[in-house]
């Protein structure tokens, strides 16, 4: 469970750094969506570290942040490969958080 939270936190960190690494820091909408979405994902996964179950607020916030980051991948005109990467990372965050909520 803590390993999954750590992976979700790393995905959040990636979304915080992605605008500068992937070269879309000049697009303010995409920049702020990525930084804020990644920051919320990072913070909620760290605060939910070691917590499981459907009643964990931080897991719900992580799950919803992952869904937002999946939408983010399709909301901005990224190249196909870049959008696919963001979509897969958002999906990974959702699935890892969902698995955390199951408590296995």
PDB file of N, CA and C in Angstrom:
ATOM      1  N   UNK A   1       0.821  -1.189   0.000  1.00  0.00           N
ATOM      2  CA  UNK A   1       0.000   0.000   0.000  1.00  0.00           C
ATOM      3  C   UNK A   1       0.868   1.257   0.000  1.00  0.00           C
ATOM      4  N   UNK A   2       1.925   1.259   0.793  1.00  0.00           N
ATOM      5  CA  UNK A   2       2.791   2.435   0.819  1.00  0.00           C
ATOM      6  C   UNK A   2       3.577   2.566  -0.480  1.00  0.00           C
ATOM      7  N   UNK A   3       3.884   1.436  -1.118  1.00  0.00           N
ATOM      8  CA  UNK A   3       4.577   1.496  -2.411  1.00  0.00           C
ATOM      9  C   UNK A   3       3.679   2.118  -3.465  1.00  0.00           C
ATOM     10  N   UNK A   4       2.408   1.779  -3.437  1.00  0.00           N
ATOM     11  CA  UNK A   4       1.465   2.354  -4.405  1.00  0.00           C
ATOM     12  C   UNK A   4       1.315   3.851  -4.171  1.00  0.00           C
ATOM     13  N   UNK A   5       1.241   4.265  -2.919  1.00  0.00           N
ATOM     14  CA  UNK A   5       1.149   5.699  -2.618  1.00  0.00           C
ATOM     15  C   UNK A   5       2.402   6.426  -3.087  1.00  0.00           C
ATOM     16  N   UNK A   6       3.548   5.788  -2.934  1.00  0.00           N
ATOM     17  CA  UNK A   6       4.799   6.389  -3.399  1.00  0.00           C
ATOM     18  C   UNK A   6       4.809   6.539  -4.914  1.00  0.00           C
ATOM     19  N   UNK A   7       4.310   5.534  -5.626  1.00  0.00           N
ATOM     20  CA  UNK A   7       4.240   5.619  -7.086  1.00  0.00           C
ATOM     21  C   UNK A   7       3.290   6.726  -7.528  1.00  0.00           C
ATOM     22  N   UNK A   8       2.167   6.853  -6.849  1.00  0.00           N
ATOM     23  CA  UNK A   8       1.215   7.917  -7.180  1.00  0.00           C
ATOM     24  C   UNK A   8       1.850   9.284  -6.905  1.00  0.00           C
ATOM     25  N   UNK A   9       2.600   9.399  -5.812  1.00  0.00           N
ATOM     26  CA  UNK A   9       3.295  10.656  -5.509  1.00  0.00           C
ATOM     27  C   UNK A   9       4.308  10.989  -6.602  1.00  0.00           C
ATOM     28  N   UNK A  10       5.014   9.988  -7.109  1.00  0.00           N
ATOM     29  CA  UNK A  10       5.971  10.224  -8.200  1.00  0.00           C
ATOM     30  C   UNK A  10       5.267  10.662  -9.480  1.00  0.00           C
ATOM     31  N   UNK A  11       4.095  10.109  -9.737  1.00  0.00           N
ATOM     32  CA  UNK A  11       3.318  10.543 -10.904  1.00  0.00           C
ATOM     33  C   UNK A  11       2.916  12.008 -10.727  1.00  0.00           C
ATOM     34  N   UNK A  12       2.504  12.377  -9.525  1.00  0.00           N
ATOM     35  CA  UNK A  12       2.175  13.775  -9.246  1.00  0.00           C
ATOM     36  C   UNK A  12       3.372  14.684  -9.445  1.00  0.00           C
ATOM     37  N   UNK A  13       4.538  14.242  -8.997  1.00  0.00           N
ATOM     38  CA  UNK A  13       5.762  15.016  -9.185  1.00  0.00           C
ATOM     39  C   UNK A  13       6.075  15.181 -10.668  1.00  0.00           C
ATOM     40  N   UNK A  14       5.853  14.129 -11.455  1.00  0.00           N
ATOM     41  CA  UNK A  14       6.068  14.219 -12.901  1.00  0.00           C
ATOM     42  C   UNK A  14       5.178  15.301 -13.515  1.00  0.00           C
ATOM     43  N   UNK A  15       3.900  15.322 -13.121  1.00  0.00           N
ATOM     44  CA  UNK A  15       2.989  16.320 -13.686  1.00  0.00           C
ATOM     45  C   UNK A  15       3.373  17.736 -13.269  1.00  0.00           C
ATOM     46  N   UNK A  16       3.993  17.899 -12.107  1.00  0.00           N
ATOM     47  CA  UNK A  16       4.472  19.219 -11.694  1.00  0.00           C
ATOM     48  C   UNK A  16       5.628  19.662 -12.593  1.00  0.00           C
ATOM     49  N   UNK A  17       6.528  18.757 -12.928  1.00  0.00           N
ATOM     50  CA  UNK A  17       7.714  19.094 -13.721  1.00  0.00           C
ATOM     51  C   UNK A  17       7.486  19.020 -15.228  1.00  0.00           C
ATOM     52  N   UNK A  18       6.427  18.357 -15.662  1.00  0.00           N
ATOM     53  CA  UNK A  18       6.190  18.092 -17.087  1.00  0.00           C
ATOM     54  C   UNK A  18       6.169  19.329 -17.980  1.00  0.00           C
ATOM     55  N   UNK A  19       5.590  20.455 -17.557  1.00  0.00           N
ATOM     56  CA  UNK A  19       5.569  21.601 -18.476  1.00  0.00           C
ATOM     57  C   UNK A  19       6.959  22.037 -18.931  1.00  0.00           C
ATOM     58  N   UNK A  20       7.947  21.938 -18.063  1.00  0.00           N
ATOM     59  CA  UNK A  20       9.294  22.360 -18.425  1.00  0.00           C
ATOM     60  C   UNK A  20      10.053  21.241 -19.130  1.00  0.00           C
ATOM     61  N   UNK A  21       9.804  20.013 -18.741  1.00  0.00           N
ATOM     62  CA  UNK A  21      10.477  18.880 -19.382  1.00  0.00           C
ATOM     63  C   UNK A  21       9.946  18.664 -20.792  1.00  0.00           C
ATOM     64  N   UNK A  22       8.627  18.754 -20.958  1.00  0.00           N
ATOM     65  CA  UNK A  22       8.001  18.458 -22.246  1.00  0.00           C
ATOM     66  C   UNK A  22       7.809  19.700 -23.112  1.00  0.00           C
ATOM     67  N   UNK A  23       8.129  20.872 -22.598  1.00  0.00           N
ATOM     68  CA  UNK A  23       8.157  22.079 -23.405  1.00  0.00           C
ATOM     69  C   UNK A  23       6.835  22.780 -23.634  1.00  0.00           C
ATOM     70  N   UNK A  24       5.901  22.697 -22.697  1.00  0.00           N
ATOM     71  CA  UNK A  24       4.665  23.453 -22.871  1.00  0.00           C
ATOM     72  C   UNK A  24       4.464  24.481 -21.756  1.00  0.00           C
ATOM     73  N   UNK A  25       5.575  24.946 -21.175  1.00  0.00           N
ATOM     74  CA  UNK A  25       5.498  25.943 -20.106  1.00  0.00           C
ATOM     75  C   UNK A  25       4.982  27.285 -20.618  1.00  0.00           C
ATOM     76  N   UNK A  26       5.034  27.517 -21.930  1.00  0.00           N
ATOM     77  CA  UNK A  26       4.536  28.765 -22.500  1.00  0.00           C
ATOM     78  C   UNK A  26       3.025  28.833 -22.592  1.00  0.00           C
ATOM     79  N   UNK A  27       2.361  27.715 -22.472  1.00  0.00           N
ATOM     80  CA  UNK A  27       0.895  27.667 -22.516  1.00  0.00           C
ATOM     81  C   UNK A  27       0.372  27.723 -21.084  1.00  0.00           C
ATOM     82  N   UNK A  28      -0.118  28.890 -20.675  1.00  0.00           N
ATOM     83  CA  UNK A  28      -0.441  29.065 -19.256  1.00  0.00           C
ATOM     84  C   UNK A  28      -1.548  28.131 -18.770  1.00  0.00           C
ATOM     85  N   UNK A  29      -2.551  27.851 -19.598  1.00  0.00           N
ATOM     86  CA  UNK A  29      -3.618  26.948 -19.170  1.00  0.00           C
ATOM     87  C   UNK A  29      -3.108  25.546 -18.912  1.00  0.00           C
ATOM     88  N   UNK A  30      -2.324  25.024 -19.848  1.00  0.00           N
ATOM     89  CA  UNK A  30      -1.760  23.682 -19.689  1.00  0.00           C
ATOM     90  C   UNK A  30      -0.753  23.651 -18.544  1.00  0.00           C
ATOM     91  N   UNK A  31       0.032  24.714 -18.414  1.00  0.00           N
ATOM     92  CA  UNK A  31       1.024  24.795 -17.342  1.00  0.00           C
ATOM     93  C   UNK A  31       0.347  24.693 -15.983  1.00  0.00           C
ATOM     94  N   UNK A  32      -0.645  25.543 -15.728  1.00  0.00           N
ATOM     95  CA  UNK A  32      -1.282  25.563 -14.417  1.00  0.00           C
ATOM     96  C   UNK A  32      -2.122  24.328 -14.163  1.00  0.00           C
ATOM     97  N   UNK A  33      -2.753  23.789 -15.186  1.00  0.00           N
ATOM     98  CA  UNK A  33      -3.518  22.547 -15.000  1.00  0.00           C
ATOM     99  C   UNK A  33      -2.604  21.408 -14.592  1.00  0.00           C
ATOM    100  N   UNK A  34      -1.443  21.335 -15.224  1.00  0.00           N
ATOM    101  CA  UNK A  34      -0.495  20.273 -14.911  1.00  0.00           C
ATOM    102  C   UNK A  34       0.109  20.458 -13.520  1.00  0.00           C
ATOM    103  N   UNK A  35       0.538  21.676 -13.213  1.00  0.00           N
ATOM    104  CA  UNK A  35       1.189  21.933 -11.921  1.00  0.00           C
ATOM    105  C   UNK A  35       0.203  21.761 -10.763  1.00  0.00           C
ATOM    106  N   UNK A  36      -0.988  22.317 -10.890  1.00  0.00           N
ATOM    107  CA  UNK A  36      -1.968  22.203  -9.801  1.00  0.00           C
ATOM    108  C   UNK A  36      -2.467  20.768  -9.668  1.00  0.00           C
ATOM    109  N   UNK A  37      -2.792  20.127 -10.797  1.00  0.00           N
ATOM    110  CA  UNK A  37      -3.236  18.732 -10.745  1.00  0.00           C
ATOM    111  C   UNK A  37      -2.170  17.817 -10.167  1.00  0.00           C
ATOM    112  N   UNK A  38      -0.919  18.009 -10.599  1.00  0.00           N
ATOM    113  CA  UNK A  38       0.178  17.210 -10.065  1.00  0.00           C
ATOM    114  C   UNK A  38       0.432  17.489  -8.595  1.00  0.00           C
ATOM    115  N   UNK A  39       0.321  18.762  -8.205  1.00  0.00           N
ATOM    116  CA  UNK A  39       0.521  19.122  -6.800  1.00  0.00           C
ATOM    117  C   UNK A  39      -0.532  18.519  -5.886  1.00  0.00           C
ATOM    118  N   UNK A  40      -1.781  18.567  -6.331  1.00  0.00           N
ATOM    119  CA  UNK A  40      -2.863  17.965  -5.538  1.00  0.00           C
ATOM    120  C   UNK A  40      -2.661  16.455  -5.446  1.00  0.00           C
ATOM    121  N   UNK A  41      -2.273  15.833  -6.562  1.00  0.00           N
ATOM    122  CA  UNK A  41      -2.030  14.387  -6.565  1.00  0.00           C
ATOM    123  C   UNK A  41      -0.868  14.035  -5.640  1.00  0.00           C
ATOM    124  N   UNK A  42       0.213  14.780  -5.713  1.00  0.00           N
ATOM    125  CA  UNK A  42       1.375  14.539  -4.857  1.00  0.00           C
ATOM    126  C   UNK A  42       1.012  14.703  -3.381  1.00  0.00           C
ATOM    127  N   UNK A  43       0.377  15.811  -3.050  1.00  0.00           N
ATOM    128  CA  UNK A  43       0.035  16.091  -1.655  1.00  0.00           C
ATOM    129  C   UNK A  43      -0.965  15.081  -1.095  1.00  0.00           C
ATOM    130  N   UNK A  44      -1.998  14.776  -1.864  1.00  0.00           N
ATOM    131  CA  UNK A  44      -3.015  13.845  -1.355  1.00  0.00           C
ATOM    132  C   UNK A  44      -2.472  12.428  -1.216  1.00  0.00           C
ATOM    133  N   UNK A  45      -1.581  12.022  -2.110  1.00  0.00           N
ATOM    134  CA  UNK A  45      -1.019  10.673  -1.978  1.00  0.00           C
ATOM    135  C   UNK A  45      -0.062  10.590  -0.789  1.00  0.00           C
ATOM    136  N   UNK A  46       0.660  11.669  -0.517  1.00  0.00           N
ATOM    137  CA  UNK A  46       1.542  11.662   0.655  1.00  0.00           C
ATOM    138  C   UNK A  46       0.737  11.717   1.956  1.00  0.00           C
ATOM    139  N   UNK A  47      -0.336  12.496   1.977  1.00  0.00           N
ATOM    140  CA  UNK A  47      -1.169  12.566   3.184  1.00  0.00           C
ATOM    141  C   UNK A  47      -1.960  11.283   3.399  1.00  0.00           C
ATOM    142  N   UNK A  48      -2.239  10.569   2.316  1.00  0.00           N
ATOM    143  CA  UNK A  48      -2.952   9.298   2.421  1.00  0.00           C
ATOM    144  C   UNK A  48      -2.022   8.108   2.520  1.00  0.00           C
ATOM    145  N   UNK A  49      -0.745   8.372   2.731  1.00  0.00           N
ATOM    146  CA  UNK A  49       0.274   7.328   2.793  1.00  0.00           C
ATOM    147  C   UNK A  49      -0.067   6.317   3.889  1.00  0.00           C
ATOM    148  N   UNK A  50      -0.230   5.065   3.504  1.00  0.00           N
ATOM    149  CA  UNK A  50      -0.515   4.006   4.465  1.00  0.00           C
ATOM    150  C   UNK A  50      -1.980   3.867   4.836  1.00  0.00           C
ATOM    151  N   UNK A  51      -2.833   4.709   4.279  1.00  0.00           N
ATOM    152  CA  UNK A  51      -4.267   4.619   4.589  1.00  0.00           C
ATOM    153  C   UNK A  51      -4.964   3.847   3.481  1.00  0.00           C
ATOM    154  N   UNK A  52      -5.900   3.017   3.869  1.00  0.00           N
ATOM    155  CA  UNK A  52      -6.674   2.271   2.878  1.00  0.00           C
ATOM    156  C   UNK A  52      -8.145   2.375   3.239  1.00  0.00           C
ATOM    157  N   UNK A  53      -8.970   1.881   2.368  1.00  0.00           N
ATOM    158  CA  UNK A  53     -10.403   1.885   2.626  1.00  0.00           C
ATOM    159  C   UNK A  53     -11.113   2.993   1.877  1.00  0.00           C
ATOM    160  N   UNK A  54     -12.407   2.788   1.729  1.00  0.00           N
ATOM    161  CA  UNK A  54     -13.233   3.719   0.967  1.00  0.00           C
ATOM    162  C   UNK A  54     -13.526   4.998   1.734  1.00  0.00           C
ATOM    163  N   UNK A  55     -13.233   5.029   3.034  1.00  0.00           N
ATOM    164  CA  UNK A  55     -13.529   6.208   3.834  1.00  0.00           C
ATOM    165  C   UNK A  55     -12.334   7.148   3.977  1.00  0.00           C
ATOM    166  N   UNK A  56     -11.239   6.874   3.279  1.00  0.00           N
ATOM    167  CA  UNK A  56     -10.063   7.737   3.333  1.00  0.00           C
ATOM    168  C   UNK A  56     -10.236   8.911   2.363  1.00  0.00           C
ATOM    169  N   UNK A  57     -10.383  10.099   2.910  1.00  0.00           N
ATOM    170  CA  UNK A  57     -10.585  11.299   2.098  1.00  0.00           C
ATOM    171  C   UNK A  57      -9.422  11.524   1.138  1.00  0.00           C
ATOM    172  N   UNK A  58      -8.203  11.292   1.604  1.00  0.00           N
ATOM    173  CA  UNK A  58      -7.036  11.555   0.763  1.00  0.00           C
ATOM    174  C   UNK A  58      -6.984  10.622  -0.440  1.00  0.00           C
ATOM    175  N   UNK A  59      -7.434   9.382  -0.261  1.00  0.00           N
ATOM    176  CA  UNK A  59      -7.489   8.474  -1.408  1.00  0.00           C
ATOM    177  C   UNK A  59      -8.515   8.948  -2.432  1.00  0.00           C
ATOM    178  N   UNK A  60      -9.629   9.477  -1.959  1.00  0.00           N
ATOM    179  CA  UNK A  60     -10.639  10.006  -2.886  1.00  0.00           C
ATOM    180  C   UNK A  60     -10.097  11.206  -3.655  1.00  0.00           C
ATOM    181  N   UNK A  61      -9.368  12.070  -2.959  1.00  0.00           N
ATOM    182  CA  UNK A  61      -8.777  13.237  -3.626  1.00  0.00           C
ATOM    183  C   UNK A  61      -7.751  12.779  -4.657  1.00  0.00           C
ATOM    184  N   UNK A  62      -6.939  11.779  -4.321  1.00  0.00           N
ATOM    185  CA  UNK A  62      -5.975  11.232  -5.282  1.00  0.00           C
ATOM    186  C   UNK A  62      -6.679  10.640  -6.492  1.00  0.00           C
ATOM    187  N   UNK A  63      -7.744   9.909  -6.243  1.00  0.00           N
ATOM    188  CA  UNK A  63      -8.496   9.295  -7.337  1.00  0.00           C
ATOM    189  C   UNK A  63      -9.067  10.362  -8.275  1.00  0.00           C
ATOM    190  N   UNK A  64      -9.683  11.381  -7.706  1.00  0.00           N
ATOM    191  CA  UNK A  64     -10.261  12.446  -8.525  1.00  0.00           C
ATOM    192  C   UNK A  64      -9.188  13.265  -9.239  1.00  0.00           C
ATOM    193  N   UNK A  65      -8.033  13.437  -8.602  1.00  0.00           N
ATOM    194  CA  UNK A  65      -6.923  14.133  -9.262  1.00  0.00           C
ATOM    195  C   UNK A  65      -6.427  13.337 -10.462  1.00  0.00           C
ATOM    196  N   UNK A  66      -6.357  12.028 -10.310  1.00  0.00           N
ATOM    197  CA  UNK A  66      -5.965  11.181 -11.439  1.00  0.00           C
ATOM    198  C   UNK A  66      -6.945  11.271 -12.590  1.00  0.00           C
ATOM    199  N   UNK A  67      -8.236  11.328 -12.261  1.00  0.00           N
ATOM    200  CA  UNK A  67      -9.257  11.486 -13.307  1.00  0.00           C
ATOM    201  C   UNK A  67      -9.079  12.839 -13.997  1.00  0.00           C
ATOM    202  N   UNK A  68      -8.834  13.884 -13.199  1.00  0.00           N
ATOM    203  CA  UNK A  68      -8.609  15.205 -13.794  1.00  0.00           C
ATOM    204  C   UNK A  68      -7.400  15.179 -14.734  1.00  0.00           C
ATOM    205  N   UNK A  69      -6.340  14.519 -14.337  1.00  0.00           N
ATOM    206  CA  UNK A  69      -5.140  14.483 -15.174  1.00  0.00           C
ATOM    207  C   UNK A  69      -5.370  13.669 -16.443  1.00  0.00           C
ATOM    208  N   UNK A  70      -6.268  12.707 -16.398  1.00  0.00           N
ATOM    209  CA  UNK A  70      -6.643  11.995 -17.626  1.00  0.00           C
ATOM    210  C   UNK A  70      -7.404  12.942 -18.559  1.00  0.00           C
ATOM    211  N   UNK A  71      -8.289  13.747 -18.003  1.00  0.00           N
ATOM    212  CA  UNK A  71      -9.028  14.727 -18.803  1.00  0.00           C
ATOM    213  C   UNK A  71      -8.069  15.783 -19.344  1.00  0.00           C
ATOM    214  N   UNK A  72      -7.103  16.185 -18.520  1.00  0.00           N
ATOM    215  CA  UNK A  72      -6.089  17.160 -18.922  1.00  0.00           C
ATOM    216  C   UNK A  72      -5.377  16.717 -20.194  1.00  0.00           C
ATOM    217  N   UNK A  73      -5.103  15.433 -20.305  1.00  0.00           N
ATOM    218  CA  UNK A  73      -4.394  14.906 -21.475  1.00  0.00           C
ATOM    219  C   UNK A  73      -5.179  15.128 -22.758  1.00  0.00           C
ATOM    220  N   UNK A  74      -6.494  15.170 -22.650  1.00  0.00           N
ATOM    221  CA  UNK A  74      -7.328  15.335 -23.842  1.00  0.00           C
ATOM    222  C   UNK A  74      -7.829  16.763 -24.021  1.00  0.00           C
ATOM    223  N   UNK A  75      -7.696  17.600 -22.999  1.00  0.00           N
ATOM    224  CA  UNK A  75      -8.244  18.956 -23.052  1.00  0.00           C
ATOM    225  C   UNK A  75      -7.336  19.944 -23.775  1.00  0.00           C
ATOM    226  N   UNK A  76      -6.069  19.622 -23.890  1.00  0.00           N
ATOM    227  CA  UNK A  76      -5.119  20.524 -24.532  1.00  0.00           C
ATOM    228  C   UNK A  76      -4.556  19.862 -25.783  1.00  0.00           C
ATOM    229  N   UNK A  77      -4.173  20.661 -26.767  1.00  0.00           N
ATOM    230  CA  UNK A  77      -3.719  20.097 -28.054  1.00  0.00           C
ATOM    231  C   UNK A  77      -2.274  19.583 -28.009  1.00  0.00           C
ATOM    232  N   UNK A  78      -2.065  18.507 -27.275  1.00  0.00           N
ATOM    233  CA  UNK A  78      -0.750  17.884 -27.216  1.00  0.00           C
ATOM    234  C   UNK A  78      -0.570  16.956 -28.412  1.00  0.00           C
ATOM    235  N   UNK A  79       0.677  16.718 -28.817  1.00  0.00           N
ATOM    236  CA  UNK A  79       0.918  15.672 -29.823  1.00  0.00           C
ATOM    237  C   UNK A  79       0.435  14.320 -29.291  1.00  0.00           C
ATOM    238  N   UNK A  80       0.123  13.413 -30.195  1.00  0.00           N
ATOM    239  CA  UNK A  80      -0.488  12.134 -29.821  1.00  0.00           C
ATOM    240  C   UNK A  80       0.340  11.363 -28.798  1.00  0.00           C
ATOM    241  N   UNK A  81       1.635  11.268 -29.000  1.00  0.00           N
ATOM    242  CA  UNK A  81       2.486  10.514 -28.077  1.00  0.00           C
ATOM    243  C   UNK A  81       2.494  11.150 -26.686  1.00  0.00           C
ATOM    244  N   UNK A  82       2.581  12.459 -26.642  1.00  0.00           N
ATOM    245  CA  UNK A  82       2.594  13.169 -25.364  1.00  0.00           C
ATOM    246  C   UNK A  82       1.243  13.029 -24.659  1.00  0.00           C
ATOM    247  N   UNK A  83       0.155  13.188 -25.383  1.00  0.00           N
ATOM    248  CA  UNK A  83      -1.180  13.031 -24.791  1.00  0.00           C
ATOM    249  C   UNK A  83      -1.379  11.607 -24.288  1.00  0.00           C
ATOM    250  N   UNK A  84      -0.874  10.632 -25.033  1.00  0.00           N
ATOM    251  CA  UNK A  84      -0.991   9.230 -24.615  1.00  0.00           C
ATOM    252  C   UNK A  84      -0.232   8.984 -23.320  1.00  0.00           C
ATOM    253  N   UNK A  85       0.955   9.580 -23.197  1.00  0.00           N
ATOM    254  CA  UNK A  85       1.745   9.444 -21.970  1.00  0.00           C
ATOM    255  C   UNK A  85       0.981  10.008 -20.779  1.00  0.00           C
ATOM    256  N   UNK A  86       0.422  11.205 -20.926  1.00  0.00           N
ATOM    257  CA  UNK A  86      -0.319  11.823 -19.831  1.00  0.00           C
ATOM    258  C   UNK A  86      -1.568  11.024 -19.484  1.00  0.00           C
ATOM    259  N   UNK A  87      -2.238  10.519 -20.496  1.00  0.00           N
ATOM    260  CA  UNK A  87      -3.435   9.711 -20.269  1.00  0.00           C
ATOM    261  C   UNK A  87      -3.085   8.433 -19.506  1.00  0.00           C
ATOM    262  N   UNK A  88      -2.005   7.771 -19.902  1.00  0.00           N
ATOM    263  CA  UNK A  88      -1.591   6.538 -19.222  1.00  0.00           C
ATOM    264  C   UNK A  88      -1.126   6.802 -17.792  1.00  0.00           C
ATOM    265  N   UNK A  89      -0.419   7.906 -17.575  1.00  0.00           N
ATOM    266  CA  UNK A  89       0.006   8.232 -16.210  1.00  0.00           C
ATOM    267  C   UNK A  89      -1.193   8.573 -15.322  1.00  0.00           C
ATOM    268  N   UNK A  90      -2.159   9.292 -15.865  1.00  0.00           N
ATOM    269  CA  UNK A  90      -3.383   9.574 -15.108  1.00  0.00           C
ATOM    270  C   UNK A  90      -4.135   8.296 -14.782  1.00  0.00           C
ATOM    271  N   UNK A  91      -4.226   7.399 -15.765  1.00  0.00           N
ATOM    272  CA  UNK A  91      -4.890   6.110 -15.548  1.00  0.00           C
ATOM    273  C   UNK A  91      -4.148   5.282 -14.504  1.00  0.00           C
ATOM    274  N   UNK A  92      -2.818   5.297 -14.555  1.00  0.00           N
ATOM    275  CA  UNK A  92      -2.028   4.568 -13.557  1.00  0.00           C
ATOM    276  C   UNK A  92      -2.294   5.113 -12.155  1.00  0.00           C
ATOM    277  N   UNK A  93      -2.380   6.437 -12.026  1.00  0.00           N
ATOM    278  CA  UNK A  93      -2.673   7.039 -10.722  1.00  0.00           C
ATOM    279  C   UNK A  93      -4.053   6.613 -10.229  1.00  0.00           C
ATOM    280  N   UNK A  94      -5.028   6.597 -11.122  1.00  0.00           N
ATOM    281  CA  UNK A  94      -6.386   6.182 -10.746  1.00  0.00           C
ATOM    282  C   UNK A  94      -6.395   4.723 -10.300  1.00  0.00           C
ATOM    283  N   UNK A  95      -5.772   3.853 -11.077  1.00  0.00           N
ATOM    284  CA  UNK A  95      -5.780   2.422 -10.752  1.00  0.00           C
ATOM    285  C   UNK A  95      -5.016   2.126  -9.467  1.00  0.00           C
ATOM    286  N   UNK A  96      -3.860   2.764  -9.277  1.00  0.00           N
ATOM    287  CA  UNK A  96      -3.094   2.549  -8.048  1.00  0.00           C
ATOM    288  C   UNK A  96      -3.866   3.042  -6.821  1.00  0.00           C
ATOM    289  N   UNK A  97      -4.516   4.183  -6.949  1.00  0.00           N
ATOM    290  CA  UNK A  97      -5.305   4.706  -5.833  1.00  0.00           C
ATOM    291  C   UNK A  97      -6.514   3.822  -5.561  1.00  0.00           C
ATOM    292  N   UNK A  98      -7.165   3.369  -6.623  1.00  0.00           N
ATOM    293  CA  UNK A  98      -8.307   2.470  -6.460  1.00  0.00           C
ATOM    294  C   UNK A  98      -7.868   1.197  -5.741  1.00  0.00           C
ATOM    295  N   UNK A  99      -6.710   0.678  -6.114  1.00  0.00           N
ATOM    296  CA  UNK A  99      -6.180  -0.519  -5.468  1.00  0.00           C
ATOM    297  C   UNK A  99      -5.873  -0.227  -3.997  1.00  0.00           C
ATOM    298  N   UNK A 100      -5.398   0.973  -3.690  1.00  0.00           N
ATOM    299  CA  UNK A 100      -5.193   1.376  -2.295  1.00  0.00           C
ATOM    300  C   UNK A 100      -6.507   1.391  -1.525  1.00  0.00           C
ATOM    301  N   UNK A 101      -7.547   1.868  -2.169  1.00  0.00           N
ATOM    302  CA  UNK A 101      -8.845   1.964  -1.498  1.00  0.00           C
ATOM    303  C   UNK A 101      -9.417   0.583  -1.195  1.00  0.00           C
ATOM    304  N   UNK A 102      -9.083  -0.381  -2.018  1.00  0.00           N
ATOM    305  CA  UNK A 102      -9.518  -1.758  -1.771  1.00  0.00           C
ATOM    306  C   UNK A 102      -8.815  -2.342  -0.550  1.00  0.00           C
ATOM    307  N   UNK A 103      -7.631  -1.804  -0.217  1.00  0.00           N
ATOM    308  CA  UNK A 103      -6.926  -2.229   0.980  1.00  0.00           C
ATOM    309  C   UNK A 103      -6.192  -3.541   0.871  1.00  0.00           C
ATOM    310  N   UNK A 104      -5.822  -3.925  -0.321  1.00  0.00           N
ATOM    311  CA  UNK A 104      -5.112  -5.199  -0.499  1.00  0.00           C
ATOM    312  C   UNK A 104      -3.632  -5.014  -0.407  1.00  0.00           C
TER     313      UNK A 104
END
